Protein backbone atom coordinates (compact mmCIF):
# COMPACT_ATOMS: atom_id res chain seq x y z
CA UNK A 1 18.79 5.80 -2.85
CA UNK A 2 19.97 6.52 0.76
CA UNK A 3 23.36 6.56 2.08
CA UNK A 4 24.05 2.79 3.67
CA UNK A 5 26.01 2.23 6.78
CA UNK A 6 26.85 -1.27 5.89
CA UNK A 7 27.38 -2.37 9.41
CA UNK A 8 23.59 -2.52 9.69
CA UNK A 9 21.19 -4.50 7.93
CA UNK A 10 19.34 -2.18 5.32
CA UNK A 11 16.06 -1.86 4.77
CA UNK A 12 14.79 -3.01 1.31
CA UNK A 13 11.52 -0.53 0.59
CA UNK A 14 10.06 -1.93 -3.46
CA UNK A 15 6.95 0.84 -4.36
CA UNK A 16 4.54 0.76 -7.13
CA UNK A 17 1.36 0.88 -8.57
CA UNK A 18 -1.25 -1.86 -8.20
CA UNK A 19 0.21 -4.59 -10.61
CA UNK A 20 2.83 -3.68 -11.53
CA UNK A 21 5.17 -6.74 -10.23
CA UNK A 22 6.45 -5.63 -7.42
CA UNK A 23 5.14 -8.14 -4.91
CA UNK A 24 6.37 -11.42 -6.55
CA UNK A 25 10.10 -9.42 -7.43
CA UNK A 26 9.87 -8.77 -3.31
CA UNK A 27 9.79 -12.12 -3.06
CA UNK A 28 11.67 -13.21 -5.22
CA UNK A 29 14.83 -11.14 -3.63
CA UNK A 30 13.38 -12.55 0.03
CA UNK A 31 13.76 -15.76 -0.01
CA UNK A 32 17.18 -15.19 -2.15
CA UNK A 33 18.66 -13.16 0.49
CA UNK A 34 16.89 -14.03 3.71
CA UNK A 35 14.37 -11.63 3.82
CA UNK A 36 11.08 -10.77 5.32
CA UNK A 37 8.31 -8.60 3.61
CA UNK A 38 6.01 -6.18 5.41
CA UNK A 39 3.23 -5.27 3.13
CA UNK A 40 2.45 -0.93 3.13
CA UNK A 41 -1.07 -1.71 1.88
CA UNK A 42 -3.82 0.55 3.26
CA UNK A 43 -6.30 -2.88 2.55
CA UNK A 44 -4.60 -5.64 3.10
CA UNK A 45 -4.41 -4.58 6.85
CA UNK A 46 -7.83 -5.72 6.89
CA UNK A 47 -9.07 -9.57 7.91
CA UNK A 48 -11.02 -11.51 5.48
CA UNK A 49 -10.32 -8.92 2.69
CA UNK A 50 -8.38 -11.42 0.73
CA UNK A 51 -9.78 -11.61 -2.77
CA UNK A 52 -10.56 -8.43 -3.32
CA UNK A 53 -7.38 -7.09 -2.13
CA UNK A 54 -5.62 -8.92 -3.80
CA UNK A 55 -4.12 -10.53 -0.72
CA UNK A 56 -0.46 -12.63 -1.18
CA UNK A 57 -1.81 -15.92 -1.74
CA UNK A 58 -1.31 -18.98 0.61
CA UNK A 59 1.60 -20.51 -1.29
CA UNK A 60 3.34 -16.74 -1.57
CA UNK A 61 3.44 -16.45 2.20
CA UNK A 62 4.80 -19.95 2.65
CA UNK A 63 7.48 -18.72 0.59
CA UNK A 64 9.08 -16.04 2.69
CA UNK A 65 7.11 -14.40 6.00
CA UNK A 66 4.69 -11.50 5.14
CA UNK A 67 4.20 -8.92 8.29
CA UNK A 68 1.36 -6.47 7.87
CA UNK A 69 -1.65 -8.36 6.73
CA UNK A 70 -4.68 -9.33 9.00
CA UNK A 71 -3.69 -6.82 11.37
CA UNK A 72 -7.44 -5.45 12.48
CA UNK A 73 -11.13 -6.24 11.52
CA UNK A 74 -12.59 -4.33 8.88
CA UNK A 75 -14.60 -2.41 11.74
CA UNK A 76 -11.80 -1.83 13.45
CA UNK A 77 -9.97 1.81 12.97
CA UNK A 78 -6.60 2.03 11.78
CA UNK A 79 -4.26 4.84 10.92
CA UNK A 80 -1.07 5.93 9.40
CA UNK A 81 0.67 6.05 12.83
CA UNK A 82 -0.64 2.50 13.90
CA UNK A 83 1.18 1.47 10.62
CA UNK A 84 4.25 3.11 11.17
CA UNK A 85 4.55 1.87 15.03
CA UNK A 86 4.00 -1.43 13.41
CA UNK A 87 6.14 -1.45 10.44
CA UNK A 88 9.05 -0.01 12.92
CA UNK A 89 8.36 -2.82 15.76
CA UNK A 90 8.40 -5.40 12.36
CA UNK A 91 11.83 -3.81 11.24
CA UNK A 92 13.55 -3.95 14.26
CA UNK A 93 12.43 -7.74 14.94
CA UNK A 94 13.54 -8.76 11.66
CA UNK A 95 16.88 -7.41 11.82
CA UNK A 96 17.25 -9.20 15.27
CA UNK A 97 16.97 -11.93 13.41
CA UNK A 98 19.79 -11.21 11.18
CA UNK A 99 17.19 -11.55 7.95
CA UNK A 100 16.45 -8.42 5.78
CA UNK A 101 12.99 -6.49 5.91
CA UNK A 102 11.48 -5.37 2.85
CA UNK A 103 8.72 -2.62 2.75
CA UNK A 104 6.66 -3.71 -0.36
CA UNK A 105 3.54 -1.90 -1.17
CA UNK A 106 1.57 1.03 -3.28
CA UNK A 107 0.12 3.15 -0.44
CA UNK A 108 2.58 5.63 -0.67
CA UNK A 109 1.74 7.69 2.73
CA UNK A 110 2.34 4.43 4.59
CA UNK A 111 5.89 3.82 2.74
CA UNK A 112 6.59 7.75 3.52
CA UNK A 113 6.04 7.61 6.99
CA UNK A 114 8.17 5.19 7.61
CA UNK A 115 10.97 5.73 5.83
CA UNK A 116 10.53 9.97 6.00
CA UNK A 117 9.98 9.24 10.19
CA UNK A 118 6.93 11.06 10.32
CA UNK A 119 6.29 12.35 13.91
CA UNK A 120 2.56 12.03 14.03
CA UNK A 121 0.13 13.83 16.30
CA UNK A 122 -2.56 12.33 17.67
CA UNK A 123 -5.20 10.46 16.09
CA UNK A 124 -7.74 13.42 14.43
CA UNK A 125 -10.79 14.88 16.49
CA UNK A 126 -13.25 13.19 16.70
CA UNK A 127 -15.96 16.14 17.11
CA UNK A 128 -14.50 17.09 14.24
CA UNK A 129 -14.72 14.22 12.09
CA UNK A 130 -18.54 14.05 12.97
CA UNK A 131 -18.94 17.32 11.87
CA UNK A 132 -17.55 16.33 8.64
CA UNK A 133 -19.19 13.11 7.61
CA UNK A 134 -22.55 14.83 8.15
CA UNK A 135 -21.42 17.36 5.31
CA UNK A 136 -21.94 16.29 1.68
CA UNK A 137 -19.44 16.53 -0.78
CA UNK A 138 -20.09 19.93 -1.82
CA UNK A 139 -19.94 21.19 1.46
CA UNK A 140 -16.70 19.51 1.86
CA UNK A 141 -15.14 20.69 -1.41
CA UNK A 142 -16.46 24.21 -0.15
CA UNK A 143 -14.91 23.86 3.27
CA UNK A 144 -11.55 22.82 2.05
CA UNK A 145 -11.50 25.84 0.13
CA UNK A 146 -12.48 28.46 2.92
CA UNK A 147 -9.85 26.76 5.07
CA UNK A 148 -7.29 26.90 2.20
CA UNK A 149 -6.97 23.20 1.69
CA UNK A 150 -5.89 21.72 -1.39
CA UNK A 151 -8.64 19.31 -2.52
CA UNK A 152 -7.42 15.71 -2.92
CA UNK A 153 -6.45 14.46 -6.63
CA UNK A 154 -10.06 12.25 -5.84
CA UNK A 155 -12.40 15.68 -4.96
CA UNK A 156 -15.36 13.64 -5.69
CA UNK A 157 -14.44 11.27 -2.55
CA UNK A 158 -16.11 11.96 0.38
CA UNK A 159 -13.70 10.02 2.44
CA UNK A 160 -10.55 11.34 0.98
CA UNK A 161 -12.03 15.26 1.17
CA UNK A 162 -12.52 14.38 5.16
CA UNK A 163 -8.91 12.62 5.42
CA UNK A 164 -7.69 16.02 3.64
CA UNK A 165 -9.21 18.03 6.18
CA UNK A 166 -7.97 15.91 8.87
CA UNK A 167 -4.67 15.91 7.87
CA UNK A 168 -4.42 20.20 7.46
CA UNK A 169 -5.73 19.78 11.26
CA UNK A 170 -3.30 17.98 12.31
CA UNK A 171 0.06 18.74 12.48
CA UNK A 172 2.68 16.75 11.58
CA UNK A 173 6.48 16.94 11.54
CA UNK A 174 8.69 14.76 9.05
CA UNK A 175 12.22 14.19 7.86
CA UNK A 176 13.37 15.98 4.61
CA UNK A 177 15.50 12.68 3.89
CA UNK A 178 14.72 9.26 3.85
CA UNK A 179 16.40 6.93 7.25
CA UNK A 180 20.10 5.73 6.65
CA UNK A 181 20.23 2.21 5.72
CA UNK A 182 18.04 1.96 3.27
CA UNK A 183 17.21 1.01 -0.38
CA UNK A 184 14.57 2.35 -1.97
CA UNK A 185 13.55 1.53 -5.48
CA UNK A 186 10.02 1.94 -7.16
CA UNK A 187 8.66 -0.34 -10.70
CA UNK A 188 7.59 1.33 -13.59
CA UNK A 189 5.47 -0.37 -16.00
CA UNK A 190 4.50 0.90 -19.95
CA UNK A 191 0.91 1.83 -19.43
CA UNK A 192 -0.24 -1.24 -22.12
CA UNK A 193 1.86 -3.65 -20.10
CA UNK A 194 0.20 -2.67 -17.30
CA UNK A 195 -3.37 -2.41 -18.20
CA UNK A 196 -2.72 -5.90 -19.37
CA UNK A 197 -2.48 -7.02 -16.08
CA UNK A 198 -4.87 -5.12 -14.57
CA UNK A 199 -7.10 -6.95 -16.86
CA UNK A 200 -5.78 -10.49 -15.82
CA UNK A 201 -6.35 -9.24 -12.39
CA UNK A 202 -9.82 -8.09 -12.29
CA UNK A 203 -10.27 -11.64 -14.28
CA UNK A 204 -8.54 -13.53 -12.08
CA UNK A 205 -10.37 -11.90 -8.83
CA UNK A 206 -13.75 -12.88 -10.38
CA UNK A 207 -12.45 -16.57 -10.80
CA UNK A 208 -11.49 -16.56 -7.36
CA UNK A 209 -14.99 -15.62 -6.51
CA UNK A 210 -14.77 -12.09 -4.94
CA UNK A 211 -18.16 -11.53 -5.09
CA UNK A 212 -19.03 -14.14 -2.58
CA UNK A 213 -16.61 -13.45 -0.14
CA UNK A 214 -17.58 -9.15 -1.00
CA UNK A 215 -21.38 -10.35 0.09
CA UNK A 216 -20.06 -12.33 3.11
CA UNK A 217 -17.86 -8.71 3.93
CA UNK A 218 -20.90 -6.97 3.26
CA UNK A 219 -23.54 -8.28 5.29
CA UNK A 220 -20.82 -9.09 8.31
CA UNK A 221 -19.64 -5.50 8.58
CA UNK A 222 -21.96 -3.41 6.92
CA UNK A 223 -21.36 -2.08 3.34
CA UNK A 224 -20.31 1.29 4.50
CA UNK A 225 -17.78 0.42 6.70
CA UNK A 226 -14.98 2.29 6.16
CA UNK A 227 -12.73 -1.17 4.70
CA UNK A 228 -16.00 -1.68 2.30
CA UNK A 229 -15.79 1.64 0.42
CA UNK A 230 -12.57 1.48 -1.67
CA UNK A 231 -11.51 -0.98 -4.32
CA UNK A 232 -14.23 -3.50 -5.46
CA UNK A 233 -16.07 -3.93 -3.06
CA UNK A 234 -18.62 -0.80 -4.16
CA UNK A 235 -19.00 -1.76 -7.24
CA UNK A 236 -20.12 -5.46 -6.00
CA UNK A 237 -22.40 -3.68 -3.87
CA UNK A 238 -24.30 -2.33 -7.27
CA UNK A 239 -23.68 -5.90 -8.68
CA UNK A 240 -25.75 -7.15 -5.73
CA UNK A 241 -28.12 -4.66 -5.76
CA UNK A 242 -28.68 -5.55 -9.79
CA UNK A 243 -27.93 -1.91 -10.57
CA UNK A 244 -25.10 -3.49 -12.68
CA UNK A 245 -24.56 -6.14 -14.79
CA UNK A 246 -21.78 -9.01 -13.93
CA UNK A 247 -19.83 -7.57 -17.67
CA UNK A 248 -20.53 -3.80 -16.50
CA UNK A 249 -18.95 -4.90 -12.95
CA UNK A 250 -15.70 -6.42 -14.64
CA UNK A 251 -15.24 -3.36 -16.97
CA UNK A 252 -15.68 -0.74 -14.08
CA UNK A 253 -13.60 -2.88 -11.88
CA UNK A 254 -10.82 -2.56 -14.42
CA UNK A 255 -11.25 1.31 -15.07
CA UNK A 256 -11.43 1.36 -11.15
CA UNK A 257 -8.10 -0.22 -10.76
CA UNK A 258 -6.32 1.88 -13.46
CA UNK A 259 -7.54 4.78 -12.04
CA UNK A 260 -5.58 3.78 -8.52
CA UNK A 261 -2.70 2.93 -10.47
CA UNK A 262 -2.14 6.11 -11.43
CA UNK A 263 -3.34 7.91 -7.94
CA UNK A 264 -0.73 5.40 -6.72
CA UNK A 265 2.05 6.81 -9.37
CA UNK A 266 0.99 10.26 -8.88
CA UNK A 267 1.81 9.90 -4.62
CA UNK A 268 5.43 8.11 -5.81
CA UNK A 269 6.39 10.86 -7.95
CA UNK A 270 6.90 13.30 -5.63
CA UNK A 271 9.25 11.57 -3.54
CA UNK A 272 12.78 11.98 -5.03
CA UNK A 273 14.77 9.43 -3.54
CA UNK A 274 12.51 6.66 -5.34
CA UNK A 275 15.09 5.12 -7.97
CA UNK A 276 12.79 4.03 -10.42
CA UNK A 277 13.32 1.18 -13.24
CA UNK A 278 12.03 -2.15 -14.36
CA UNK A 279 10.90 -4.90 -13.11
CA UNK A 280 14.30 -6.72 -14.86
CA UNK A 281 16.48 -3.58 -13.78
CA UNK A 282 15.44 -3.23 -10.48
CA UNK A 283 15.94 -6.88 -9.57
CA UNK A 284 19.67 -6.80 -10.87
CA UNK A 285 20.31 -3.89 -8.96
CA UNK A 286 19.07 -4.80 -5.82
CA UNK A 287 20.54 -8.73 -6.99
CA UNK A 288 24.00 -6.74 -6.50
CA UNK A 289 23.24 -4.42 -3.94
CA UNK A 290 22.03 -7.62 -1.23
CA UNK A 291 24.68 -9.72 -2.65
CA UNK A 292 27.33 -7.39 -1.46
CA UNK A 293 25.41 -6.42 1.97
CA UNK A 294 25.10 -10.20 2.46
CA UNK A 295 29.00 -10.74 1.93
CA UNK A 296 30.23 -8.08 4.35
CA UNK A 297 27.58 -8.29 7.02
CA UNK A 298 27.72 -11.77 7.59
CA UNK A 299 30.46 -13.29 5.47
CA UNK A 300 28.74 -14.88 3.15
CA UNK A 301 30.93 -15.68 0.09
CA UNK A 302 29.11 -13.88 -2.87
CA UNK A 303 27.92 -15.93 -5.77
CA UNK A 304 29.44 -16.04 -9.31
């Protein structure tokens, strides 16, 4: 937990894997303690990708101001540096309104870029990217090995391989400790509960017509667009092409989301400054901490 100077409104960071319940927790706390939420999610930044990315609903967004949603069109480039600049601007604006900023999400790189104040180099060399995109998976793996670049966890994914190479070739400086005035928590969920939540959310996506949304986006932006290469969209493409059945689509998506959750936890677990807890224990701890902050900073009486 980063040190907090009570002369400054803290930044509350709530991290966790997909379907862990972090968004609902953040909304409850932000409602109670005059907060606004900045979503740290590399998919919800895209306009029109609402159902497939499990974006906070219109009702949830009406309860608490949300930022980091619908920033760019699916065909537009949006980097970690772009997100860091955006998030820092929003944190400042929220504090200027005497409200508490909540940075909430499962994209560990986005969170790290903000709390460890990454000093990011210019965007990757487009010439290099063009060369890399002409290579197949095996060639990219060989490039990594030859150039002493660690293979990403999903080493069969071409996009992940390209990003690993680009990160190696772009120097980045960062702080070894998080920003001051920051509470950093992570949501832990037992495996069976998380699996059940993922399966339930999978069913909810289909109830909300995710196939129709994905088809519209695929026709508008192309199925090979960067934004369409993750999450449920490639699976919907297989279904639209009749390569898999609807039941297989549902099953594969639940498996895909489970794997995503494991990758997210692997990344987040590397951060020794995250205080891990269940939804209940985290809510209790943050409630006490934020009640103290509100009382000391704004002279608001503590609730009994």
